Structure formats: C-alpha cells, structure tokens
C-alpha cells in the first residue's frame, strides 16, 4: 500500500482521534501534543474509536500527504491504551497493523542481519 513512501519510521497515536480532523488539525497534534516535527519524513498514524478508519499524515518535499483508509469489515489491531506519547513503530510493524495483525504476533520471520555468506 505505502510502498512508494520514503520513511523508515512511523508514529502511532495511541487512543482514538477525531477523524473529522484534516491536515492542519493532525499536524497540530503531532507538533503540540507529541512534540514531534510534522515536517519530518516520518509517518503519523491516527485511528478512530471503532478501529475501522485511519489516517496517515506525511510531509513530502513541498506539501502534506493525507492517506485515509476505511475497512468495510473487521478492525485494525492497534493498541488501545490512551497516551499522549505516540508509539514508535518500524515500517515493518506498521505493515503488520495495516494487514490486520497485532504487534504481539509471532508469525513473521525475525529480522536477520548477516555479514558473511556461508
């Protein structure tokens, strides 16, 4: 889904976000509540209370991208705790959540860093 996006880091807003907020409102949350730079290349992910809609905000070159997703069936397995500190996710973990998996899932292969060929 987000394969063409240049970002290794994502921040997930714990708890629910009012999905009526647009770019300016979400960028204000990133800057004033999370104390992060909305103009960085990071992805900022927001989910509604029912966990069936999400918005992803990202700055790119000269403007913001706002991605919106609504599930027709099912729910995202995002953490439910309400916290002003966003949850930092790797791109891989974000993809798990977008695919309907939880962060605690153990089905994925562990990341391996190899230095030599055997």
PDB file of N, CA and C in Angstrom:
ATOM      1  N   UNK A   1       0.813  -1.191   0.000  1.00  0.00           N
ATOM      2  CA  UNK A   1       0.000   0.000   0.000  1.00  0.00           C
ATOM      3  C   UNK A   1       0.855   1.252   0.000  1.00  0.00           C
ATOM      4  N   UNK A   2       1.777   1.356   0.926  1.00  0.00           N
ATOM      5  CA  UNK A   2       2.605   2.551   1.045  1.00  0.00           C
ATOM      6  C   UNK A   2       4.013   2.295   0.529  1.00  0.00           C
ATOM      7  N   UNK A   3       4.159   1.422  -0.454  1.00  0.00           N
ATOM      8  CA  UNK A   3       5.484   1.025  -0.918  1.00  0.00           C
ATOM      9  C   UNK A   3       6.304   2.171  -1.496  1.00  0.00           C
ATOM     10  N   UNK A   4       5.680   3.145  -2.109  1.00  0.00           N
ATOM     11  CA  UNK A   4       6.418   4.240  -2.715  1.00  0.00           C
ATOM     12  C   UNK A   4       6.795   5.344  -1.737  1.00  0.00           C
ATOM     13  N   UNK A   5       6.445   5.185  -0.485  1.00  0.00           N
ATOM     14  CA  UNK A   5       6.694   6.212   0.522  1.00  0.00           C
ATOM     15  C   UNK A   5       8.080   6.045   1.119  1.00  0.00           C
ATOM     16  N   UNK A   6       8.827   7.139   1.199  1.00  0.00           N
ATOM     17  CA  UNK A   6      10.169   7.128   1.779  1.00  0.00           C
ATOM     18  C   UNK A   6      10.109   7.456   3.256  1.00  0.00           C
ATOM     19  N   UNK A   7      10.012   6.435   4.095  1.00  0.00           N
ATOM     20  CA  UNK A   7      10.023   6.647   5.531  1.00  0.00           C
ATOM     21  C   UNK A   7      10.277   5.323   6.228  1.00  0.00           C
ATOM     22  N   UNK A   8      11.235   5.327   7.144  1.00  0.00           N
ATOM     23  CA  UNK A   8      11.519   4.118   7.898  1.00  0.00           C
ATOM     24  C   UNK A   8      10.805   4.119   9.235  1.00  0.00           C
ATOM     25  N   UNK A   9      10.302   5.258   9.656  1.00  0.00           N
ATOM     26  CA  UNK A   9       9.732   5.385  10.992  1.00  0.00           C
ATOM     27  C   UNK A   9       8.285   5.856  10.915  1.00  0.00           C
ATOM     28  N   UNK A  10       7.484   5.306  11.810  1.00  0.00           N
ATOM     29  CA  UNK A  10       6.084   5.712  11.909  1.00  0.00           C
ATOM     30  C   UNK A  10       5.747   5.915  13.375  1.00  0.00           C
ATOM     31  N   UNK A  11       4.862   6.832  13.635  1.00  0.00           N
ATOM     32  CA  UNK A  11       4.386   7.089  14.992  1.00  0.00           C
ATOM     33  C   UNK A  11       2.883   6.891  15.006  1.00  0.00           C
ATOM     34  N   UNK A  12       2.416   6.059  15.936  1.00  0.00           N
ATOM     35  CA  UNK A  12       1.003   5.777  16.060  1.00  0.00           C
ATOM     36  C   UNK A  12       0.430   6.520  17.260  1.00  0.00           C
ATOM     37  N   UNK A  13      -0.636   7.268  17.032  1.00  0.00           N
ATOM     38  CA  UNK A  13      -1.310   7.989  18.117  1.00  0.00           C
ATOM     39  C   UNK A  13      -2.134   6.984  18.908  1.00  0.00           C
ATOM     40  N   UNK A  14      -1.710   6.715  20.136  1.00  0.00           N
ATOM     41  CA  UNK A  14      -2.440   5.775  20.996  1.00  0.00           C
ATOM     42  C   UNK A  14      -3.789   6.379  21.361  1.00  0.00           C
ATOM     43  N   UNK A  15      -4.782   5.532  21.518  1.00  0.00           N
ATOM     44  CA  UNK A  15      -6.129   6.029  21.790  1.00  0.00           C
ATOM     45  C   UNK A  15      -6.802   6.406  20.481  1.00  0.00           C
ATOM     46  N   UNK A  16      -7.932   7.073  20.577  1.00  0.00           N
ATOM     47  CA  UNK A  16      -8.669   7.413  19.356  1.00  0.00           C
ATOM     48  C   UNK A  16      -8.492   8.882  18.998  1.00  0.00           C
ATOM     49  N   UNK A  17      -8.634   9.156  17.709  1.00  0.00           N
ATOM     50  CA  UNK A  17      -8.521  10.515  17.182  1.00  0.00           C
ATOM     51  C   UNK A  17      -9.814  10.854  16.450  1.00  0.00           C
ATOM     52  N   UNK A  18     -10.243  12.075  16.560  1.00  0.00           N
ATOM     53  CA  UNK A  18     -11.427  12.553  15.847  1.00  0.00           C
ATOM     54  C   UNK A  18     -11.101  12.563  14.349  1.00  0.00           C
ATOM     55  N   UNK A  19     -11.760  11.722  13.587  1.00  0.00           N
ATOM     56  CA  UNK A  19     -11.477  11.596  12.156  1.00  0.00           C
ATOM     57  C   UNK A  19     -11.980  12.784  11.343  1.00  0.00           C
ATOM     58  N   UNK A  20     -12.646  13.742  11.984  1.00  0.00           N
ATOM     59  CA  UNK A  20     -13.026  14.961  11.266  1.00  0.00           C
ATOM     60  C   UNK A  20     -11.832  15.887  11.086  1.00  0.00           C
ATOM     61  N   UNK A  21     -10.760  15.640  11.840  1.00  0.00           N
ATOM     62  CA  UNK A  21      -9.560  16.474  11.714  1.00  0.00           C
ATOM     63  C   UNK A  21      -8.920  16.248  10.343  1.00  0.00           C
ATOM     64  N   UNK A  22      -8.455  17.328   9.764  1.00  0.00           N
ATOM     65  CA  UNK A  22      -7.784  17.250   8.481  1.00  0.00           C
ATOM     66  C   UNK A  22      -6.285  17.490   8.696  1.00  0.00           C
ATOM     67  N   UNK A  23      -5.599  17.876   7.652  1.00  0.00           N
ATOM     68  CA  UNK A  23      -4.143  18.020   7.700  1.00  0.00           C
ATOM     69  C   UNK A  23      -3.688  18.963   8.813  1.00  0.00           C
ATOM     70  N   UNK A  24      -4.262  20.155   8.878  1.00  0.00           N
ATOM     71  CA  UNK A  24      -3.820  21.133   9.875  1.00  0.00           C
ATOM     72  C   UNK A  24      -4.053  20.646  11.301  1.00  0.00           C
ATOM     73  N   UNK A  25      -5.201  20.044  11.558  1.00  0.00           N
ATOM     74  CA  UNK A  25      -5.510  19.549  12.894  1.00  0.00           C
ATOM     75  C   UNK A  25      -4.599  18.403  13.315  1.00  0.00           C
ATOM     76  N   UNK A  26      -4.323  17.490  12.396  1.00  0.00           N
ATOM     77  CA  UNK A  26      -3.433  16.367  12.702  1.00  0.00           C
ATOM     78  C   UNK A  26      -1.994  16.846  12.871  1.00  0.00           C
ATOM     79  N   UNK A  27      -1.554  17.778  12.024  1.00  0.00           N
ATOM     80  CA  UNK A  27      -0.198  18.325  12.155  1.00  0.00           C
ATOM     81  C   UNK A  27      -0.038  19.054  13.493  1.00  0.00           C
ATOM     82  N   UNK A  28      -1.093  19.719  13.947  1.00  0.00           N
ATOM     83  CA  UNK A  28      -1.046  20.397  15.250  1.00  0.00           C
ATOM     84  C   UNK A  28      -0.902  19.384  16.379  1.00  0.00           C
ATOM     85  N   UNK A  29      -1.572  18.235  16.287  1.00  0.00           N
ATOM     86  CA  UNK A  29      -1.419  17.177  17.295  1.00  0.00           C
ATOM     87  C   UNK A  29       0.023  16.690  17.323  1.00  0.00           C
ATOM     88  N   UNK A  30       0.590  16.451  16.138  1.00  0.00           N
ATOM     89  CA  UNK A  30       1.975  15.976  16.047  1.00  0.00           C
ATOM     90  C   UNK A  30       2.920  16.974  16.716  1.00  0.00           C
ATOM     91  N   UNK A  31       2.737  18.249  16.422  1.00  0.00           N
ATOM     92  CA  UNK A  31       3.651  19.282  16.922  1.00  0.00           C
ATOM     93  C   UNK A  31       3.407  19.621  18.393  1.00  0.00           C
ATOM     94  N   UNK A  32       2.172  19.807  18.799  1.00  0.00           N
ATOM     95  CA  UNK A  32       1.882  20.323  20.135  1.00  0.00           C
ATOM     96  C   UNK A  32       1.683  19.242  21.193  1.00  0.00           C
ATOM     97  N   UNK A  33       1.147  18.095  20.803  1.00  0.00           N
ATOM     98  CA  UNK A  33       0.899  17.026  21.777  1.00  0.00           C
ATOM     99  C   UNK A  33       2.057  16.031  21.804  1.00  0.00           C
ATOM    100  N   UNK A  34       2.475  15.587  20.607  1.00  0.00           N
ATOM    101  CA  UNK A  34       3.563  14.605  20.541  1.00  0.00           C
ATOM    102  C   UNK A  34       4.939  15.243  20.692  1.00  0.00           C
ATOM    103  N   UNK A  35       5.022  16.575  20.472  1.00  0.00           N
ATOM    104  CA  UNK A  35       6.289  17.307  20.480  1.00  0.00           C
ATOM    105  C   UNK A  35       7.258  16.755  19.434  1.00  0.00           C
ATOM    106  N   UNK A  36       6.710  16.430  18.261  1.00  0.00           N
ATOM    107  CA  UNK A  36       7.500  15.947  17.132  1.00  0.00           C
ATOM    108  C   UNK A  36       7.341  16.911  15.969  1.00  0.00           C
ATOM    109  N   UNK A  37       8.210  16.786  14.986  1.00  0.00           N
ATOM    110  CA  UNK A  37       8.208  17.676  13.828  1.00  0.00           C
ATOM    111  C   UNK A  37       7.311  17.107  12.729  1.00  0.00           C
ATOM    112  N   UNK A  38       6.165  17.734  12.448  1.00  0.00           N
ATOM    113  CA  UNK A  38       5.289  17.211  11.390  1.00  0.00           C
ATOM    114  C   UNK A  38       5.899  17.341   9.998  1.00  0.00           C
ATOM    115  N   UNK A  39       6.985  18.120   9.870  1.00  0.00           N
ATOM    116  CA  UNK A  39       7.638  18.305   8.576  1.00  0.00           C
ATOM    117  C   UNK A  39       8.762  17.301   8.342  1.00  0.00           C
ATOM    118  N   UNK A  40       8.919  16.341   9.253  1.00  0.00           N
ATOM    119  CA  UNK A  40       9.894  15.270   9.035  1.00  0.00           C
ATOM    120  C   UNK A  40       9.300  14.286   8.027  1.00  0.00           C
ATOM    121  N   UNK A  41      10.064  13.307   7.617  1.00  0.00           N
ATOM    122  CA  UNK A  41       9.554  12.322   6.654  1.00  0.00           C
ATOM    123  C   UNK A  41       8.841  11.158   7.336  1.00  0.00           C
ATOM    124  N   UNK A  42       8.676  11.221   8.649  1.00  0.00           N
ATOM    125  CA  UNK A  42       8.004  10.145   9.375  1.00  0.00           C
ATOM    126  C   UNK A  42       6.521  10.079   9.001  1.00  0.00           C
ATOM    127  N   UNK A  43       5.943   8.915   9.188  1.00  0.00           N
ATOM    128  CA  UNK A  43       4.507   8.723   9.020  1.00  0.00           C
ATOM    129  C   UNK A  43       3.855   8.889  10.388  1.00  0.00           C
ATOM    130  N   UNK A  44       2.739   9.592  10.440  1.00  0.00           N
ATOM    131  CA  UNK A  44       1.993   9.781  11.677  1.00  0.00           C
ATOM    132  C   UNK A  44       0.612   9.162  11.471  1.00  0.00           C
ATOM    133  N   UNK A  45       0.304   8.146  12.283  1.00  0.00           N
ATOM    134  CA  UNK A  45      -0.888   7.326  12.082  1.00  0.00           C
ATOM    135  C   UNK A  45      -1.906   7.615  13.172  1.00  0.00           C
ATOM    136  N   UNK A  46      -3.154   7.835  12.753  1.00  0.00           N
ATOM    137  CA  UNK A  46      -4.256   8.141  13.662  1.00  0.00           C
ATOM    138  C   UNK A  46      -5.413   7.195  13.364  1.00  0.00           C
ATOM    139  N   UNK A  47      -6.073   6.699  14.406  1.00  0.00           N
ATOM    140  CA  UNK A  47      -7.164   5.745  14.239  1.00  0.00           C
ATOM    141  C   UNK A  47      -8.387   6.222  15.017  1.00  0.00           C
ATOM    142  N   UNK A  48      -9.576   5.855  14.556  1.00  0.00           N
ATOM    143  CA  UNK A  48     -10.803   6.248  15.250  1.00  0.00           C
ATOM    144  C   UNK A  48     -11.127   5.278  16.385  1.00  0.00           C
ATOM    145  N   UNK A  49     -12.164   5.588  17.136  1.00  0.00           N
ATOM    146  CA  UNK A  49     -12.542   4.805  18.315  1.00  0.00           C
ATOM    147  C   UNK A  49     -12.966   3.379  17.947  1.00  0.00           C
ATOM    148  N   UNK A  50     -13.683   3.214  16.848  1.00  0.00           N
ATOM    149  CA  UNK A  50     -14.153   1.882  16.439  1.00  0.00           C
ATOM    150  C   UNK A  50     -13.057   1.048  15.779  1.00  0.00           C
ATOM    151  N   UNK A  51     -11.910   1.656  15.517  1.00  0.00           N
ATOM    152  CA  UNK A  51     -10.760   0.966  14.900  1.00  0.00           C
ATOM    153  C   UNK A  51     -11.046   0.459  13.486  1.00  0.00           C
ATOM    154  N   UNK A  52     -11.936   1.160  12.774  1.00  0.00           N
ATOM    155  CA  UNK A  52     -12.205   0.755  11.395  1.00  0.00           C
ATOM    156  C   UNK A  52     -11.798   1.830  10.387  1.00  0.00           C
ATOM    157  N   UNK A  53     -11.260   2.946  10.876  1.00  0.00           N
ATOM    158  CA  UNK A  53     -10.782   4.021   9.999  1.00  0.00           C
ATOM    159  C   UNK A  53      -9.439   4.502  10.494  1.00  0.00           C
ATOM    160  N   UNK A  54      -8.585   4.909   9.557  1.00  0.00           N
ATOM    161  CA  UNK A  54      -7.314   5.504   9.957  1.00  0.00           C
ATOM    162  C   UNK A  54      -6.897   6.556   8.957  1.00  0.00           C
ATOM    163  N   UNK A  55      -6.067   7.467   9.446  1.00  0.00           N
ATOM    164  CA  UNK A  55      -5.450   8.490   8.609  1.00  0.00           C
ATOM    165  C   UNK A  55      -3.957   8.456   8.869  1.00  0.00           C
ATOM    166  N   UNK A  56      -3.195   8.635   7.796  1.00  0.00           N
ATOM    167  CA  UNK A  56      -1.737   8.696   7.894  1.00  0.00           C
ATOM    168  C   UNK A  56      -1.296  10.027   7.293  1.00  0.00           C
ATOM    169  N   UNK A  57      -0.549  10.788   8.076  1.00  0.00           N
ATOM    170  CA  UNK A  57      -0.056  12.103   7.659  1.00  0.00           C
ATOM    171  C   UNK A  57       1.431  12.017   7.399  1.00  0.00           C
ATOM    172  N   UNK A  58       1.877  12.615   6.287  1.00  0.00           N
ATOM    173  CA  UNK A  58       3.310  12.667   6.000  1.00  0.00           C
ATOM    174  C   UNK A  58       3.641  13.909   5.171  1.00  0.00           C
ATOM    175  N   UNK A  59       4.756  14.539   5.524  1.00  0.00           N
ATOM    176  CA  UNK A  59       5.285  15.666   4.751  1.00  0.00           C
ATOM    177  C   UNK A  59       6.144  15.111   3.630  1.00  0.00           C
ATOM    178  N   UNK A  60       6.031  15.682   2.431  1.00  0.00           N
ATOM    179  CA  UNK A  60       6.839  15.259   1.291  1.00  0.00           C
ATOM    180  C   UNK A  60       7.199  16.476   0.447  1.00  0.00           C
ATOM    181  N   UNK A  61       8.465  16.820   0.433  1.00  0.00           N
ATOM    182  CA  UNK A  61       9.021  17.914  -0.368  1.00  0.00           C
ATOM    183  C   UNK A  61       8.381  19.273  -0.132  1.00  0.00           C
ATOM    184  N   UNK A  62       7.167  19.477  -0.637  1.00  0.00           N
ATOM    185  CA  UNK A  62       6.563  20.802  -0.543  1.00  0.00           C
ATOM    186  C   UNK A  62       5.109  20.780  -0.092  1.00  0.00           C
ATOM    187  N   UNK A  63       4.708  19.681   0.533  1.00  0.00           N
ATOM    188  CA  UNK A  63       3.326  19.598   1.000  1.00  0.00           C
ATOM    189  C   UNK A  63       3.061  18.309   1.759  1.00  0.00           C
ATOM    190  N   UNK A  64       1.885  18.252   2.365  1.00  0.00           N
ATOM    191  CA  UNK A  64       1.488  17.080   3.140  1.00  0.00           C
ATOM    192  C   UNK A  64       0.721  16.094   2.278  1.00  0.00           C
ATOM    193  N   UNK A  65       0.912  14.822   2.594  1.00  0.00           N
ATOM    194  CA  UNK A  65       0.070  13.744   2.091  1.00  0.00           C
ATOM    195  C   UNK A  65      -0.839  13.346   3.239  1.00  0.00           C
ATOM    196  N   UNK A  66      -2.099  13.074   2.938  1.00  0.00           N
ATOM    197  CA  UNK A  66      -3.023  12.545   3.928  1.00  0.00           C
ATOM    198  C   UNK A  66      -3.679  11.306   3.328  1.00  0.00           C
ATOM    199  N   UNK A  67      -3.329  10.150   3.876  1.00  0.00           N
ATOM    200  CA  UNK A  67      -3.893   8.884   3.431  1.00  0.00           C
ATOM    201  C   UNK A  67      -5.057   8.538   4.354  1.00  0.00           C
ATOM    202  N   UNK A  68      -6.131   8.018   3.790  1.00  0.00           N
ATOM    203  CA  UNK A  68      -7.312   7.659   4.568  1.00  0.00           C
ATOM    204  C   UNK A  68      -7.724   6.244   4.195  1.00  0.00           C
ATOM    205  N   UNK A  69      -8.034   5.427   5.198  1.00  0.00           N
ATOM    206  CA  UNK A  69      -8.460   4.052   4.933  1.00  0.00           C
ATOM    207  C   UNK A  69      -9.661   3.739   5.795  1.00  0.00           C
ATOM    208  N   UNK A  70     -10.681   3.138   5.180  1.00  0.00           N
ATOM    209  CA  UNK A  70     -11.865   2.689   5.902  1.00  0.00           C
ATOM    210  C   UNK A  70     -12.072   1.211   5.599  1.00  0.00           C
ATOM    211  N   UNK A  71     -12.139   0.408   6.647  1.00  0.00           N
ATOM    212  CA  UNK A  71     -12.400  -1.012   6.479  1.00  0.00           C
ATOM    213  C   UNK A  71     -13.899  -1.243   6.371  1.00  0.00           C
ATOM    214  N   UNK A  72     -14.309  -2.061   5.431  1.00  0.00           N
ATOM    215  CA  UNK A  72     -15.721  -2.401   5.298  1.00  0.00           C
ATOM    216  C   UNK A  72     -16.107  -3.486   6.296  1.00  0.00           C
ATOM    217  N   UNK A  73     -15.151  -4.358   6.626  1.00  0.00           N
ATOM    218  CA  UNK A  73     -15.363  -5.406   7.637  1.00  0.00           C
ATOM    219  C   UNK A  73     -14.098  -5.509   8.458  1.00  0.00           C
ATOM    220  N   UNK A  74     -14.252  -5.825   9.727  1.00  0.00           N
ATOM    221  CA  UNK A  74     -13.093  -6.027  10.583  1.00  0.00           C
ATOM    222  C   UNK A  74     -12.618  -4.738  11.232  1.00  0.00           C
ATOM    223  N   UNK A  75     -11.527  -4.891  11.997  1.00  0.00           N
ATOM    224  CA  UNK A  75     -10.950  -3.769  12.733  1.00  0.00           C
ATOM    225  C   UNK A  75      -9.438  -3.859  12.675  1.00  0.00           C
ATOM    226  N   UNK A  76      -8.799  -2.711  12.785  1.00  0.00           N
ATOM    227  CA  UNK A  76      -7.354  -2.684  12.923  1.00  0.00           C
ATOM    228  C   UNK A  76      -6.995  -3.143  14.332  1.00  0.00           C
ATOM    229  N   UNK A  77      -5.899  -3.847  14.485  1.00  0.00           N
ATOM    230  CA  UNK A  77      -5.473  -4.368  15.778  1.00  0.00           C
ATOM    231  C   UNK A  77      -4.501  -3.395  16.461  1.00  0.00           C
ATOM    232  N   UNK A  78      -4.844  -2.118  16.449  1.00  0.00           N
ATOM    233  CA  UNK A  78      -3.984  -1.119  17.070  1.00  0.00           C
ATOM    234  C   UNK A  78      -4.098  -1.174  18.579  1.00  0.00           C
ATOM    235  N   UNK A  79      -3.011  -0.850  19.282  1.00  0.00           N
ATOM    236  CA  UNK A  79      -3.072  -0.789  20.743  1.00  0.00           C
ATOM    237  C   UNK A  79      -4.137   0.203  21.187  1.00  0.00           C
ATOM    238  N   UNK A  80      -4.816  -0.117  22.281  1.00  0.00           N
ATOM    239  CA  UNK A  80      -5.964   0.667  22.735  1.00  0.00           C
ATOM    240  C   UNK A  80      -5.639   1.712  23.789  1.00  0.00           C
ATOM    241  N   UNK A  81      -4.474   1.594  24.436  1.00  0.00           N
ATOM    242  CA  UNK A  81      -4.186   2.494  25.550  1.00  0.00           C
ATOM    243  C   UNK A  81      -4.151   3.951  25.097  1.00  0.00           C
ATOM    244  N   UNK A  82      -4.755   4.792  25.905  1.00  0.00           N
ATOM    245  CA  UNK A  82      -4.779   6.214  25.616  1.00  0.00           C
ATOM    246  C   UNK A  82      -3.559   6.847  26.275  1.00  0.00           C
ATOM    247  N   UNK A  83      -2.732   7.499  25.476  1.00  0.00           N
ATOM    248  CA  UNK A  83      -1.474   8.031  25.968  1.00  0.00           C
ATOM    249  C   UNK A  83      -1.072   9.195  25.074  1.00  0.00           C
ATOM    250  N   UNK A  84      -0.522  10.236  25.649  1.00  0.00           N
ATOM    251  CA  UNK A  84      -0.088  11.379  24.840  1.00  0.00           C
ATOM    252  C   UNK A  84       1.227  11.112  24.125  1.00  0.00           C
ATOM    253  N   UNK A  85       1.944  10.079  24.538  1.00  0.00           N
ATOM    254  CA  UNK A  85       3.187   9.721  23.876  1.00  0.00           C
ATOM    255  C   UNK A  85       2.875   8.756  22.743  1.00  0.00           C
ATOM    256  N   UNK A  86       3.239   9.105  21.518  1.00  0.00           N
ATOM    257  CA  UNK A  86       2.940   8.195  20.409  1.00  0.00           C
ATOM    258  C   UNK A  86       3.812   6.947  20.468  1.00  0.00           C
ATOM    259  N   UNK A  87       3.309   5.871  19.918  1.00  0.00           N
ATOM    260  CA  UNK A  87       4.029   4.614  19.858  1.00  0.00           C
ATOM    261  C   UNK A  87       4.901   4.629  18.607  1.00  0.00           C
ATOM    262  N   UNK A  88       6.213   4.511  18.773  1.00  0.00           N
ATOM    263  CA  UNK A  88       7.133   4.498  17.626  1.00  0.00           C
ATOM    264  C   UNK A  88       7.126   3.103  17.016  1.00  0.00           C
ATOM    265  N   UNK A  89       6.888   3.037  15.716  1.00  0.00           N
ATOM    266  CA  UNK A  89       6.817   1.765  15.005  1.00  0.00           C
ATOM    267  C   UNK A  89       7.817   1.737  13.866  1.00  0.00           C
ATOM    268  N   UNK A  90       8.351   0.564  13.602  1.00  0.00           N
ATOM    269  CA  UNK A  90       9.148   0.395  12.387  1.00  0.00           C
ATOM    270  C   UNK A  90       8.177   0.280  11.215  1.00  0.00           C
ATOM    271  N   UNK A  91       8.670   0.420  10.028  1.00  0.00           N
ATOM    272  CA  UNK A  91       7.827   0.289   8.838  1.00  0.00           C
ATOM    273  C   UNK A  91       7.212  -1.104   8.781  1.00  0.00           C
ATOM    274  N   UNK A  92       7.978  -2.098   9.207  1.00  0.00           N
ATOM    275  CA  UNK A  92       7.512  -3.486   9.214  1.00  0.00           C
ATOM    276  C   UNK A  92       6.347  -3.662  10.188  1.00  0.00           C
ATOM    277  N   UNK A  93       6.464  -3.094  11.391  1.00  0.00           N
ATOM    278  CA  UNK A  93       5.388  -3.187  12.379  1.00  0.00           C
ATOM    279  C   UNK A  93       4.128  -2.472  11.894  1.00  0.00           C
ATOM    280  N   UNK A  94       4.302  -1.317  11.250  1.00  0.00           N
ATOM    281  CA  UNK A  94       3.158  -0.607  10.703  1.00  0.00           C
ATOM    282  C   UNK A  94       2.460  -1.473   9.657  1.00  0.00           C
ATOM    283  N   UNK A  95       3.226  -2.127   8.801  1.00  0.00           N
ATOM    284  CA  UNK A  95       2.624  -3.006   7.793  1.00  0.00           C
ATOM    285  C   UNK A  95       1.853  -4.148   8.439  1.00  0.00           C
ATOM    286  N   UNK A  96       2.371  -4.687   9.549  1.00  0.00           N
ATOM    287  CA  UNK A  96       1.622  -5.727  10.272  1.00  0.00           C
ATOM    288  C   UNK A  96       0.260  -5.192  10.689  1.00  0.00           C
ATOM    289  N   UNK A  97       0.256  -4.005  11.306  1.00  0.00           N
ATOM    290  CA  UNK A  97      -1.006  -3.436  11.782  1.00  0.00           C
ATOM    291  C   UNK A  97      -1.963  -3.163  10.630  1.00  0.00           C
ATOM    292  N   UNK A  98      -1.449  -2.648   9.520  1.00  0.00           N
ATOM    293  CA  UNK A  98      -2.295  -2.370   8.359  1.00  0.00           C
ATOM    294  C   UNK A  98      -2.834  -3.648   7.732  1.00  0.00           C
ATOM    295  N   UNK A  99      -2.120  -4.753   7.908  1.00  0.00           N
ATOM    296  CA  UNK A  99      -2.562  -6.050   7.382  1.00  0.00           C
ATOM    297  C   UNK A  99      -3.477  -6.797   8.347  1.00  0.00           C
ATOM    298  N   UNK A 100      -3.803  -6.189   9.490  1.00  0.00           N
ATOM    299  CA  UNK A 100      -4.715  -6.806  10.429  1.00  0.00           C
ATOM    300  C   UNK A 100      -4.061  -7.651  11.498  1.00  0.00           C
ATOM    301  N   UNK A 101      -2.738  -7.601  11.594  1.00  0.00           N
ATOM    302  CA  UNK A 101      -2.026  -8.360  12.615  1.00  0.00           C
ATOM    303  C   UNK A 101      -1.753  -7.468  13.815  1.00  0.00           C
ATOM    304  N   UNK A 102      -1.530  -8.087  14.967  1.00  0.00           N
ATOM    305  CA  UNK A 102      -1.190  -7.305  16.148  1.00  0.00           C
ATOM    306  C   UNK A 102       0.328  -7.180  16.249  1.00  0.00           C
ATOM    307  N   UNK A 103       0.779  -6.261  17.065  1.00  0.00           N
ATOM    308  CA  UNK A 103       2.220  -6.095  17.264  1.00  0.00           C
ATOM    309  C   UNK A 103       2.819  -7.292  17.999  1.00  0.00           C
ATOM    310  N   UNK A 104       2.002  -8.007  18.750  1.00  0.00           N
ATOM    311  CA  UNK A 104       2.490  -9.161  19.512  1.00  0.00           C
ATOM    312  C   UNK A 104       2.533 -10.435  18.679  1.00  0.00           C
ATOM    313  N   UNK A 105       2.077 -10.367  17.437  1.00  0.00           N
ATOM    314  CA  UNK A 105       2.029 -11.576  16.611  1.00  0.00           C
ATOM    315  C   UNK A 105       3.425 -12.155  16.431  1.00  0.00           C
ATOM    316  N   UNK A 106       3.495 -13.460  16.339  1.00  0.00           N
ATOM    317  CA  UNK A 106       4.802 -14.116  16.219  1.00  0.00           C
ATOM    318  C   UNK A 106       4.898 -14.934  14.939  1.00  0.00           C
ATOM    319  N   UNK A 107       4.077 -14.621  13.940  1.00  0.00           N
ATOM    320  CA  UNK A 107       4.086 -15.374  12.687  1.00  0.00           C
ATOM    321  C   UNK A 107       5.182 -14.930  11.727  1.00  0.00           C
ATOM    322  N   UNK A 108       5.571 -13.688  11.814  1.00  0.00           N
ATOM    323  CA  UNK A 108       6.567 -13.160  10.874  1.00  0.00           C
ATOM    324  C   UNK A 108       7.954 -13.688  11.207  1.00  0.00           C
ATOM    325  N   UNK A 109       8.771 -13.816  10.194  1.00  0.00           N
ATOM    326  CA  UNK A 109      10.160 -14.210  10.410  1.00  0.00           C
ATOM    327  C   UNK A 109      10.889 -13.085  11.128  1.00  0.00           C
ATOM    328  N   UNK A 110      11.751 -13.440  12.024  1.00  0.00           N
ATOM    329  CA  UNK A 110      12.557 -12.452  12.733  1.00  0.00           C
ATOM    330  C   UNK A 110      13.556 -11.831  11.754  1.00  0.00           C
ATOM    331  N   UNK A 111      13.895 -10.567  11.978  1.00  0.00           N
ATOM    332  CA  UNK A 111      14.875  -9.880  11.139  1.00  0.00           C
ATOM    333  C   UNK A 111      16.251 -10.459  11.423  1.00  0.00           C
ATOM    334  N   UNK A 112      16.986 -10.749  10.359  1.00  0.00           N
ATOM    335  CA  UNK A 112      18.332 -11.317  10.477  1.00  0.00           C
ATOM    336  C   UNK A 112      19.306 -10.346   9.817  1.00  0.00           C
ATOM    337  N   UNK A 113      20.374 -10.049  10.514  1.00  0.00           N
ATOM    338  CA  UNK A 113      21.436  -9.221   9.947  1.00  0.00           C
ATOM    339  C   UNK A 113      22.625 -10.132   9.696  1.00  0.00           C
ATOM    340  N   UNK A 114      22.931 -10.357   8.440  1.00  0.00           N
ATOM    341  CA  UNK A 114      24.027 -11.244   8.062  1.00  0.00           C
ATOM    342  C   UNK A 114      25.221 -10.426   7.607  1.00  0.00           C
ATOM    343  N   UNK A 115      26.396 -10.930   7.887  1.00  0.00           N
ATOM    344  CA  UNK A 115      27.606 -10.207   7.470  1.00  0.00           C
ATOM    345  C   UNK A 115      28.466 -11.013   6.507  1.00  0.00           C
ATOM    346  N   UNK A 116      28.252 -12.324   6.444  1.00  0.00           N
ATOM    347  CA  UNK A 116      29.014 -13.160   5.518  1.00  0.00           C
ATOM    348  C   UNK A 116      28.090 -14.206   4.909  1.00  0.00           C
ATOM    349  N   UNK A 117      28.485 -14.694   3.766  1.00  0.00           N
ATOM    350  CA  UNK A 117      27.754 -15.755   3.100  1.00  0.00           C
ATOM    351  C   UNK A 117      28.413 -17.078   3.468  1.00  0.00           C
ATOM    352  N   UNK A 118      27.608 -18.043   3.862  1.00  0.00           N
ATOM    353  CA  UNK A 118      28.159 -19.348   4.270  1.00  0.00           C
ATOM    354  C   UNK A 118      28.320 -20.256   3.084  1.00  0.00           C
TER     355      UNK A 118
END
